[in-house]
Amino acid sequence: MDITITLNDGQLNIQAPFKMDTDEGKQAFGNFWQQFITQQIRRILDEIGDHEFSKIVEASDNVQLGALPASLELVIKLEAQPDEQDASQIHLVVKGVEVSPELDDAKFLFFLSYVDSAVKAMK
């Protein structure tokens, strides 16, 4: 199960295992996205530390949408797993993240913030 987010000439398209045409589906995706973005930032911070991360954030502030490739794809590989406390519930676990074409850290962070803004606007 995957979430695929594509950016083509400034247009964002999200394919996800949520009913994106309903308010509940948009809300569920928004909740997932917030958890995902928080995990990604924590992972980056753990890997490179606060000082290096602040440099990337500063560099991403200078990135413009036009600096991204005309076509960009982010694939979030997911796996559904039963909840440890309540087996009748499942939760999605991120198994991998792929970006095509590859981006430097500043552009990747800019892209995540661009998607984040779009997701917040959906609610």
C-alpha atoms as a PDB file:
ATOM      1  CA  MET A   1       0.000   0.000   0.000  1.00  0.00           C
ATOM      2  CA  ASP A   2       1.454   3.350  -1.025  1.00  0.00           C
ATOM      3  CA  ILE A   3       0.732   7.025  -0.884  1.00  0.00           C
ATOM      4  CA  THR A   4       1.948   8.740  -4.031  1.00  0.00           C
ATOM      5  CA  ILE A   5       2.275  12.497  -4.141  1.00  0.00           C
ATOM      6  CA  THR A   6       3.201  14.000  -7.487  1.00  0.00           C
ATOM      7  CA  LEU A   7       4.023  17.545  -8.415  1.00  0.00           C
ATOM      8  CA  ASN A   8       3.721  18.372 -12.108  1.00  0.00           C
ATOM      9  CA  ASP A   9       4.314  21.971 -13.123  1.00  0.00           C
ATOM     10  CA  GLY A  10       3.127  23.255  -9.741  1.00  0.00           C
ATOM     11  CA  GLN A  11       0.025  21.014  -9.593  1.00  0.00           C
ATOM     12  CA  LEU A  12      -0.108  18.620  -6.658  1.00  0.00           C
ATOM     13  CA  ASN A  13      -1.841  15.240  -6.943  1.00  0.00           C
ATOM     14  CA  ILE A  14      -2.275  12.866  -3.998  1.00  0.00           C
ATOM     15  CA  GLN A  15      -3.131   9.190  -4.442  1.00  0.00           C
ATOM     16  CA  ALA A  16      -3.746   7.591  -1.054  1.00  0.00           C
ATOM     17  CA  PRO A  17      -5.654   4.716   0.526  1.00  0.00           C
ATOM     18  CA  PHE A  18      -8.049   7.264   2.046  1.00  0.00           C
ATOM     19  CA  LYS A  19     -11.369   8.395   0.619  1.00  0.00           C
ATOM     20  CA  MET A  20     -10.024  11.773  -0.412  1.00  0.00           C
ATOM     21  CA  ASP A  21     -13.420  12.803  -1.803  1.00  0.00           C
ATOM     22  CA  THR A  22     -14.957  12.789   1.700  1.00  0.00           C
ATOM     23  CA  ASP A  23     -14.339  15.061   4.670  1.00  0.00           C
ATOM     24  CA  GLU A  24     -13.537  12.012   6.807  1.00  0.00           C
ATOM     25  CA  GLY A  25     -10.972  10.778   4.292  1.00  0.00           C
ATOM     26  CA  LYS A  26      -9.350  14.190   4.048  1.00  0.00           C
ATOM     27  CA  GLN A  27      -9.244  14.392   7.847  1.00  0.00           C
ATOM     28  CA  ALA A  28      -7.719  10.898   8.119  1.00  0.00           C
ATOM     29  CA  PHE A  29      -5.081  11.771   5.527  1.00  0.00           C
ATOM     30  CA  GLY A  30      -4.384  15.089   7.273  1.00  0.00           C
ATOM     31  CA  ASN A  31      -3.844  13.243  10.560  1.00  0.00           C
ATOM     32  CA  PHE A  32      -1.559  10.723   8.866  1.00  0.00           C
ATOM     33  CA  TRP A  33       0.399  13.506   7.152  1.00  0.00           C
ATOM     34  CA  GLN A  34       0.987  15.360  10.430  1.00  0.00           C
ATOM     35  CA  GLN A  35       2.365  12.186  12.033  1.00  0.00           C
ATOM     36  CA  PHE A  36       4.469  11.457   8.947  1.00  0.00           C
ATOM     37  CA  ILE A  37       5.996  14.937   8.748  1.00  0.00           C
ATOM     38  CA  THR A  38       6.776  14.889  12.475  1.00  0.00           C
ATOM     39  CA  GLN A  39       8.492  11.491  12.137  1.00  0.00           C
ATOM     40  CA  GLN A  40      10.521  12.653   9.136  1.00  0.00           C
ATOM     41  CA  ILE A  41      11.753  15.763  10.925  1.00  0.00           C
ATOM     42  CA  ARG A  42      12.629  13.762  14.043  1.00  0.00           C
ATOM     43  CA  ARG A  43      14.515  11.244  11.935  1.00  0.00           C
ATOM     44  CA  ILE A  44      16.482  13.999  10.183  1.00  0.00           C
ATOM     45  CA  LEU A  45      17.253  15.671  13.520  1.00  0.00           C
ATOM     46  CA  ASP A  46      18.443  12.353  14.987  1.00  0.00           C
ATOM     47  CA  GLU A  47      20.673  11.705  11.970  1.00  0.00           C
ATOM     48  CA  ILE A  48      22.288  15.093  11.532  1.00  0.00           C
ATOM     49  CA  GLY A  49      21.644  17.080  14.718  1.00  0.00           C
ATOM     50  CA  ASP A  50      20.131  20.480  15.418  1.00  0.00           C
ATOM     51  CA  HIS A  51      22.961  22.584  14.002  1.00  0.00           C
ATOM     52  CA  GLU A  52      23.024  20.900  10.576  1.00  0.00           C
ATOM     53  CA  PHE A  53      19.221  20.798  10.476  1.00  0.00           C
ATOM     54  CA  SER A  54      19.033  24.543  11.104  1.00  0.00           C
ATOM     55  CA  LYS A  55      21.351  25.061   8.108  1.00  0.00           C
ATOM     56  CA  ILE A  56      19.017  22.969   5.927  1.00  0.00           C
ATOM     57  CA  VAL A  57      15.973  24.894   7.157  1.00  0.00           C
ATOM     58  CA  GLU A  58      17.727  28.166   6.368  1.00  0.00           C
ATOM     59  CA  ALA A  59      18.638  26.919   2.885  1.00  0.00           C
ATOM     60  CA  SER A  60      15.082  25.666   2.279  1.00  0.00           C
ATOM     61  CA  ASP A  61      13.759  29.148   3.061  1.00  0.00           C
ATOM     62  CA  ASN A  62      15.560  30.312  -0.079  1.00  0.00           C
ATOM     63  CA  VAL A  63      14.167  27.573  -2.350  1.00  0.00           C
ATOM     64  CA  GLN A  64      11.464  28.611  -4.800  1.00  0.00           C
ATOM     65  CA  LEU A  65       8.881  26.316  -6.376  1.00  0.00           C
ATOM     66  CA  GLY A  66      10.582  26.835  -9.735  1.00  0.00           C
ATOM     67  CA  ALA A  67      13.784  25.308  -8.336  1.00  0.00           C
ATOM     68  CA  LEU A  68      12.084  21.917  -8.059  1.00  0.00           C
ATOM     69  CA  PRO A  69      12.005  19.588 -11.059  1.00  0.00           C
ATOM     70  CA  ALA A  70       8.946  20.089 -13.306  1.00  0.00           C
ATOM     71  CA  SER A  71       7.859  16.571 -12.356  1.00  0.00           C
ATOM     72  CA  LEU A  72       8.472  15.178  -8.895  1.00  0.00           C
ATOM     73  CA  GLU A  73       7.145  12.106  -7.130  1.00  0.00           C
ATOM     74  CA  LEU A  74       7.123  11.178  -3.448  1.00  0.00           C
ATOM     75  CA  VAL A  75       6.105   7.613  -2.643  1.00  0.00           C
ATOM     76  CA  ILE A  76       5.415   6.661   0.965  1.00  0.00           C
ATOM     77  CA  LYS A  77       5.405   2.882   1.321  1.00  0.00           C
ATOM     78  CA  LEU A  78       2.940   1.752   3.985  1.00  0.00           C
ATOM     79  CA  GLU A  79       2.025  -1.410   5.779  1.00  0.00           C
ATOM     80  CA  ALA A  80      -1.168  -1.937   7.779  1.00  0.00           C
ATOM     81  CA  GLN A  81      -0.519  -3.539  11.146  1.00  0.00           C
ATOM     82  CA  PRO A  82      -2.921  -4.484  13.947  1.00  0.00           C
ATOM     83  CA  ASP A  83      -2.912  -2.136  16.914  1.00  0.00           C
ATOM     84  CA  GLU A  84      -1.025  -3.606  19.878  1.00  0.00           C
ATOM     85  CA  GLN A  85      -3.720  -2.599  22.409  1.00  0.00           C
ATOM     86  CA  ASP A  86      -6.807  -3.231  20.274  1.00  0.00           C
ATOM     87  CA  ALA A  87      -6.481  -5.956  17.629  1.00  0.00           C
ATOM     88  CA  SER A  88      -9.717  -4.791  15.974  1.00  0.00           C
ATOM     89  CA  GLN A  89      -7.933  -1.567  14.979  1.00  0.00           C
ATOM     90  CA  ILE A  90      -5.134  -1.187  12.458  1.00  0.00           C
ATOM     91  CA  HIS A  91      -2.594   1.540  11.985  1.00  0.00           C
ATOM     92  CA  LEU A  92      -0.380   2.426   9.081  1.00  0.00           C
ATOM     93  CA  VAL A  93       3.359   2.029   9.465  1.00  0.00           C
ATOM     94  CA  VAL A  94       5.771   3.811   7.124  1.00  0.00           C
ATOM     95  CA  LYS A  95       8.088   1.229   5.580  1.00  0.00           C
ATOM     96  CA  GLY A  96       9.938   3.505   3.192  1.00  0.00           C
ATOM     97  CA  VAL A  97      10.068   6.877   1.484  1.00  0.00           C
ATOM     98  CA  GLU A  98      11.211   7.380  -2.103  1.00  0.00           C
ATOM     99  CA  VAL A  99      11.645  10.644  -3.981  1.00  0.00           C
ATOM    100  CA  SER A 100      12.135  10.714  -7.718  1.00  0.00           C
ATOM    101  CA  PRO A 101      14.211  12.419  -8.914  1.00  0.00           C
ATOM    102  CA  GLU A 102      16.426  12.726  -5.843  1.00  0.00           C
ATOM    103  CA  LEU A 103      16.504  16.128  -4.178  1.00  0.00           C
ATOM    104  CA  ASP A 104      19.070  17.769  -1.955  1.00  0.00           C
ATOM    105  CA  ASP A 105      18.010  18.197   1.670  1.00  0.00           C
ATOM    106  CA  ALA A 106      16.917  21.837   1.304  1.00  0.00           C
ATOM    107  CA  LYS A 107      14.717  21.103  -1.722  1.00  0.00           C
ATOM    108  CA  PHE A 108      13.258  17.995  -0.034  1.00  0.00           C
ATOM    109  CA  LEU A 109      12.373  20.024   3.058  1.00  0.00           C
ATOM    110  CA  PHE A 110      10.842  22.743   0.855  1.00  0.00           C
ATOM    111  CA  PHE A 111       8.796  20.091  -0.989  1.00  0.00           C
ATOM    112  CA  LEU A 112       7.546  18.613   2.302  1.00  0.00           C
ATOM    113  CA  SER A 113       6.511  22.072   3.502  1.00  0.00           C
ATOM    114  CA  TYR A 114       4.771  22.716   0.146  1.00  0.00           C
ATOM    115  CA  VAL A 115       2.790  19.476   0.500  1.00  0.00           C
ATOM    116  CA  ASP A 116       2.132  20.288   4.156  1.00  0.00           C
ATOM    117  CA  SER A 117       0.573  23.629   3.183  1.00  0.00           C
ATOM    118  CA  ALA A 118      -1.630  21.911   0.596  1.00  0.00           C
ATOM    119  CA  VAL A 119      -2.749  19.261   3.104  1.00  0.00           C
ATOM    120  CA  LYS A 120      -3.637  21.925   5.674  1.00  0.00           C
ATOM    121  CA  ALA A 121      -5.656  23.771   3.029  1.00  0.00           C
ATOM    122  CA  MET A 122      -7.681  20.584   2.331  1.00  0.00           C
ATOM    123  CA  LYS A 123      -9.133  20.468   5.837  1.00  0.00           C
END
